Amino acid sequence: MFNFGLGEIALILLLALIFLGPERLPKVAMQLGKWMRDLRNLTFDFREEIENSISREHDARNKK
């Protein structure tokens, strides 16, 4: 998705550890994971609603 390599990920984790500290890093990581899960669920629901709408529109046009 973001196309990060191992070196970039290691650098981001090191910077997060330096700026957030070992006490806050797990909490921030869990919160980030929750946001990512919520965003994924939101996009799934949105996509599903669009597909259902298109399907209903297609069915309505075919009945005429």
Foldseek 3Di string as FASTA:
>chain_A
DPPDDPVVVVVVVVVCCVVVNPVCVVVVVVVVVVVVVVVVVVVVVVVVVVVVVVVVVVVVVVVD
